[in-house]
Amino acid sequence: MDTLLLLVFFGAGLLVLWIICKLLAVPVRILGKLVLNAVVGAIILIVINFIGGLVGFSLPITPFSALLTGVFGLPGVLLLFIFQQLL
């Protein structure tokens, strides 16, 4: 009886662990996507500033621009370009 009870508790522990992993998988996936967007946006900003420096154009890298490119990626960089041209 003790072995059967131990197996039941072990199975229940595995079930709880599986449920926790499933619940945490979605936020981790979203966080991974945001990190990837931030890296791509930062690389694009650096490339634009490097190439734009040759022709006299640059996008300032500020906390706002980093946040915007981190959330939106390439469309965020385009939005920064449009904002700079309008102001």
N, C-alpha and C. Protein backbone atom coordinates (compact mmCIF):
# COMPACT_ATOMS: atom_id res chain seq x y z
N MET A 1 0.82 -1.19 0.00
CA MET A 1 0.00 0.00 0.00
C MET A 1 0.86 1.26 0.00
N ASP A 2 1.98 1.25 0.71
CA ASP A 2 2.84 2.42 0.74
C ASP A 2 3.45 2.69 -0.63
N THR A 3 3.80 1.67 -1.37
CA THR A 3 4.37 1.85 -2.70
C THR A 3 3.34 2.43 -3.65
N LEU A 4 2.09 1.97 -3.58
CA LEU A 4 1.03 2.49 -4.43
C LEU A 4 0.76 3.96 -4.11
N LEU A 5 0.73 4.31 -2.83
CA LEU A 5 0.53 5.69 -2.43
C LEU A 5 1.68 6.58 -2.90
N LEU A 6 2.88 6.09 -2.81
CA LEU A 6 4.05 6.81 -3.29
C LEU A 6 3.98 7.05 -4.79
N LEU A 7 3.55 6.05 -5.55
CA LEU A 7 3.40 6.20 -7.01
C LEU A 7 2.30 7.21 -7.35
N VAL A 8 1.23 7.22 -6.58
CA VAL A 8 0.15 8.18 -6.82
C VAL A 8 0.65 9.61 -6.57
N PHE A 9 1.37 9.79 -5.46
CA PHE A 9 1.91 11.12 -5.17
C PHE A 9 2.95 11.54 -6.21
N PHE A 10 3.75 10.62 -6.66
CA PHE A 10 4.74 10.91 -7.70
C PHE A 10 4.05 11.32 -8.99
N GLY A 11 3.00 10.58 -9.37
CA GLY A 11 2.23 10.91 -10.57
C GLY A 11 1.55 12.27 -10.45
N ALA A 12 1.02 12.56 -9.25
CA ALA A 12 0.37 13.85 -9.03
C ALA A 12 1.39 14.99 -9.11
N GLY A 13 2.58 14.75 -8.58
CA GLY A 13 3.63 15.76 -8.67
C GLY A 13 4.04 16.02 -10.11
N LEU A 14 4.15 14.95 -10.89
CA LEU A 14 4.47 15.12 -12.32
C LEU A 14 3.37 15.87 -13.05
N LEU A 15 2.12 15.60 -12.71
CA LEU A 15 0.99 16.29 -13.34
C LEU A 15 1.02 17.78 -13.00
N VAL A 16 1.28 18.11 -11.75
CA VAL A 16 1.36 19.53 -11.33
C VAL A 16 2.52 20.22 -12.05
N LEU A 17 3.65 19.54 -12.13
CA LEU A 17 4.81 20.11 -12.83
C LEU A 17 4.50 20.35 -14.31
N TRP A 18 3.80 19.41 -14.95
CA TRP A 18 3.44 19.56 -16.35
C TRP A 18 2.49 20.74 -16.55
N ILE A 19 1.51 20.89 -15.63
CA ILE A 19 0.56 22.01 -15.74
C ILE A 19 1.28 23.34 -15.57
N ILE A 20 2.19 23.42 -14.62
CA ILE A 20 2.96 24.66 -14.41
C ILE A 20 3.79 25.00 -15.64
N CYS A 21 4.42 23.99 -16.23
CA CYS A 21 5.23 24.23 -17.43
C CYS A 21 4.37 24.70 -18.59
N LYS A 22 3.19 24.13 -18.73
CA LYS A 22 2.28 24.56 -19.81
C LYS A 22 1.83 26.00 -19.60
N LEU A 23 1.53 26.36 -18.34
CA LEU A 23 1.08 27.72 -18.05
C LEU A 23 2.19 28.75 -18.26
N LEU A 24 3.42 28.37 -18.00
CA LEU A 24 4.54 29.30 -18.15
C LEU A 24 5.10 29.33 -19.57
N ALA A 25 4.73 28.39 -20.41
CA ALA A 25 5.28 28.33 -21.76
C ALA A 25 4.81 29.50 -22.61
N VAL A 26 3.59 29.95 -22.45
CA VAL A 26 3.08 31.04 -23.27
C VAL A 26 3.79 32.35 -22.95
N PRO A 27 3.92 32.75 -21.67
CA PRO A 27 4.65 34.00 -21.41
C PRO A 27 6.11 33.94 -21.83
N VAL A 28 6.75 32.79 -21.71
CA VAL A 28 8.15 32.67 -22.13
C VAL A 28 8.25 32.85 -23.64
N ARG A 29 7.29 32.32 -24.37
CA ARG A 29 7.28 32.47 -25.83
C ARG A 29 7.11 33.94 -26.21
N ILE A 30 6.22 34.63 -25.51
CA ILE A 30 6.00 36.05 -25.80
C ILE A 30 7.25 36.85 -25.44
N LEU A 31 7.86 36.54 -24.30
CA LEU A 31 9.08 37.22 -23.90
C LEU A 31 10.20 36.98 -24.91
N GLY A 32 10.32 35.77 -25.40
CA GLY A 32 11.33 35.47 -26.42
C GLY A 32 11.11 36.27 -27.69
N LYS A 33 9.85 36.42 -28.07
CA LYS A 33 9.54 37.21 -29.27
C LYS A 33 9.89 38.68 -29.06
N LEU A 34 9.62 39.21 -27.87
CA LEU A 34 9.97 40.60 -27.59
C LEU A 34 11.47 40.81 -27.58
N VAL A 35 12.21 39.86 -27.02
CA VAL A 35 13.67 39.97 -27.00
C VAL A 35 14.21 39.93 -28.43
N LEU A 36 13.68 39.05 -29.25
CA LEU A 36 14.12 38.98 -30.65
C LEU A 36 13.82 40.28 -31.38
N ASN A 37 12.63 40.84 -31.17
CA ASN A 37 12.29 42.13 -31.79
C ASN A 37 13.23 43.23 -31.31
N ALA A 38 13.57 43.22 -30.03
CA ALA A 38 14.46 44.25 -29.49
C ALA A 38 15.84 44.14 -30.11
N VAL A 39 16.35 42.94 -30.26
CA VAL A 39 17.67 42.75 -30.85
C VAL A 39 17.66 43.18 -32.31
N VAL A 40 16.65 42.76 -33.05
CA VAL A 40 16.56 43.15 -34.47
C VAL A 40 16.42 44.66 -34.60
N GLY A 41 15.58 45.27 -33.75
CA GLY A 41 15.41 46.72 -33.80
C GLY A 41 16.69 47.46 -33.47
N ALA A 42 17.43 46.99 -32.47
CA ALA A 42 18.69 47.64 -32.09
C ALA A 42 19.71 47.52 -33.21
N ILE A 43 19.78 46.35 -33.84
CA ILE A 43 20.71 46.17 -34.95
C ILE A 43 20.34 47.09 -36.11
N ILE A 44 19.05 47.21 -36.38
CA ILE A 44 18.62 48.08 -37.47
C ILE A 44 18.95 49.54 -37.14
N LEU A 45 18.72 49.96 -35.88
CA LEU A 45 19.07 51.33 -35.49
C LEU A 45 20.56 51.59 -35.63
N ILE A 46 21.37 50.64 -35.23
CA ILE A 46 22.83 50.81 -35.34
C ILE A 46 23.25 50.88 -36.80
N VAL A 47 22.68 50.02 -37.64
CA VAL A 47 23.03 50.03 -39.07
C VAL A 47 22.58 51.34 -39.71
N ILE A 48 21.38 51.80 -39.36
CA ILE A 48 20.89 53.06 -39.93
C ILE A 48 21.78 54.21 -39.49
N ASN A 49 22.19 54.23 -38.23
CA ASN A 49 23.07 55.31 -37.75
C ASN A 49 24.45 55.22 -38.38
N PHE A 50 24.95 54.01 -38.62
CA PHE A 50 26.26 53.86 -39.25
C PHE A 50 26.21 54.32 -40.71
N ILE A 51 25.25 53.83 -41.45
CA ILE A 51 25.13 54.21 -42.87
C ILE A 51 24.65 55.65 -42.99
N GLY A 52 23.71 56.04 -42.14
CA GLY A 52 23.21 57.41 -42.18
C GLY A 52 24.25 58.43 -41.81
N GLY A 53 25.23 58.03 -41.00
CA GLY A 53 26.31 58.94 -40.64
C GLY A 53 27.13 59.35 -41.84
N LEU A 54 27.17 58.50 -42.85
CA LEU A 54 27.91 58.82 -44.07
C LEU A 54 27.22 59.88 -44.90
N VAL A 55 25.88 59.96 -44.77
CA VAL A 55 25.13 60.94 -45.56
C VAL A 55 24.50 62.03 -44.69
N GLY A 56 24.81 62.02 -43.38
CA GLY A 56 24.31 63.06 -42.50
C GLY A 56 22.95 62.80 -41.90
N PHE A 57 22.57 61.55 -41.73
CA PHE A 57 21.28 61.19 -41.15
C PHE A 57 21.50 60.23 -39.99
N SER A 58 20.75 60.42 -38.91
CA SER A 58 20.85 59.48 -37.80
C SER A 58 19.54 59.47 -37.03
N LEU A 59 19.24 58.35 -36.40
CA LEU A 59 18.12 58.21 -35.49
C LEU A 59 18.70 58.08 -34.09
N PRO A 60 18.37 58.99 -33.18
CA PRO A 60 18.95 58.90 -31.83
C PRO A 60 18.46 57.65 -31.11
N ILE A 61 19.37 57.00 -30.41
CA ILE A 61 19.00 55.81 -29.64
C ILE A 61 18.77 56.28 -28.20
N THR A 62 17.49 56.40 -27.85
CA THR A 62 17.05 56.84 -26.53
C THR A 62 16.25 55.70 -25.89
N PRO A 63 15.90 55.82 -24.62
CA PRO A 63 15.05 54.79 -24.02
C PRO A 63 13.71 54.64 -24.75
N PHE A 64 13.15 55.76 -25.23
CA PHE A 64 11.90 55.68 -25.98
C PHE A 64 12.08 54.94 -27.30
N SER A 65 13.13 55.25 -28.03
CA SER A 65 13.35 54.58 -29.31
C SER A 65 13.69 53.11 -29.10
N ALA A 66 14.42 52.80 -28.03
CA ALA A 66 14.73 51.40 -27.74
C ALA A 66 13.46 50.63 -27.39
N LEU A 67 12.58 51.25 -26.61
CA LEU A 67 11.32 50.61 -26.26
C LEU A 67 10.44 50.41 -27.49
N LEU A 68 10.37 51.43 -28.33
CA LEU A 68 9.55 51.35 -29.53
C LEU A 68 10.05 50.28 -30.49
N THR A 69 11.34 50.22 -30.69
CA THR A 69 11.87 49.19 -31.58
C THR A 69 11.83 47.82 -30.92
N GLY A 70 11.90 47.76 -29.60
CA GLY A 70 11.81 46.49 -28.91
C GLY A 70 10.43 45.88 -29.00
N VAL A 71 9.42 46.70 -28.97
CA VAL A 71 8.05 46.19 -29.04
C VAL A 71 7.63 45.94 -30.49
N PHE A 72 7.97 46.85 -31.38
CA PHE A 72 7.46 46.76 -32.75
C PHE A 72 8.47 46.27 -33.79
N GLY A 73 9.75 46.28 -33.45
CA GLY A 73 10.76 45.82 -34.41
C GLY A 73 10.94 46.79 -35.55
N LEU A 74 10.98 46.29 -36.78
CA LEU A 74 11.19 47.12 -37.96
C LEU A 74 10.11 48.18 -38.13
N PRO A 75 8.82 47.87 -37.93
CA PRO A 75 7.82 48.95 -38.02
C PRO A 75 8.06 50.07 -37.01
N GLY A 76 8.62 49.75 -35.85
CA GLY A 76 8.97 50.78 -34.87
C GLY A 76 10.06 51.70 -35.37
N VAL A 77 11.04 51.13 -36.07
CA VAL A 77 12.11 51.95 -36.66
C VAL A 77 11.53 52.87 -37.74
N LEU A 78 10.65 52.34 -38.54
CA LEU A 78 10.00 53.17 -39.57
C LEU A 78 9.18 54.29 -38.93
N LEU A 79 8.52 53.98 -37.82
CA LEU A 79 7.75 54.99 -37.10
C LEU A 79 8.67 56.08 -36.54
N LEU A 80 9.82 55.70 -36.03
CA LEU A 80 10.79 56.69 -35.55
C LEU A 80 11.27 57.57 -36.70
N PHE A 81 11.51 56.98 -37.86
CA PHE A 81 11.93 57.74 -39.03
C PHE A 81 10.86 58.76 -39.42
N ILE A 82 9.61 58.32 -39.42
CA ILE A 82 8.51 59.23 -39.78
C ILE A 82 8.38 60.35 -38.76
N PHE A 83 8.47 60.02 -37.46
CA PHE A 83 8.40 61.05 -36.43
C PHE A 83 9.52 62.08 -36.59
N GLN A 84 10.71 61.61 -36.90
CA GLN A 84 11.83 62.53 -37.05
C GLN A 84 11.65 63.43 -38.26
N GLN A 85 11.08 62.91 -39.34
CA GLN A 85 10.86 63.71 -40.53
C GLN A 85 9.74 64.74 -40.33
N LEU A 86 8.75 64.39 -39.50
CA LEU A 86 7.65 65.31 -39.26
C LEU A 86 8.04 66.42 -38.28
N LEU A 87 8.91 66.12 -37.35
CA LEU A 87 9.30 67.12 -36.35
C LEU A 87 10.52 67.79 -36.80
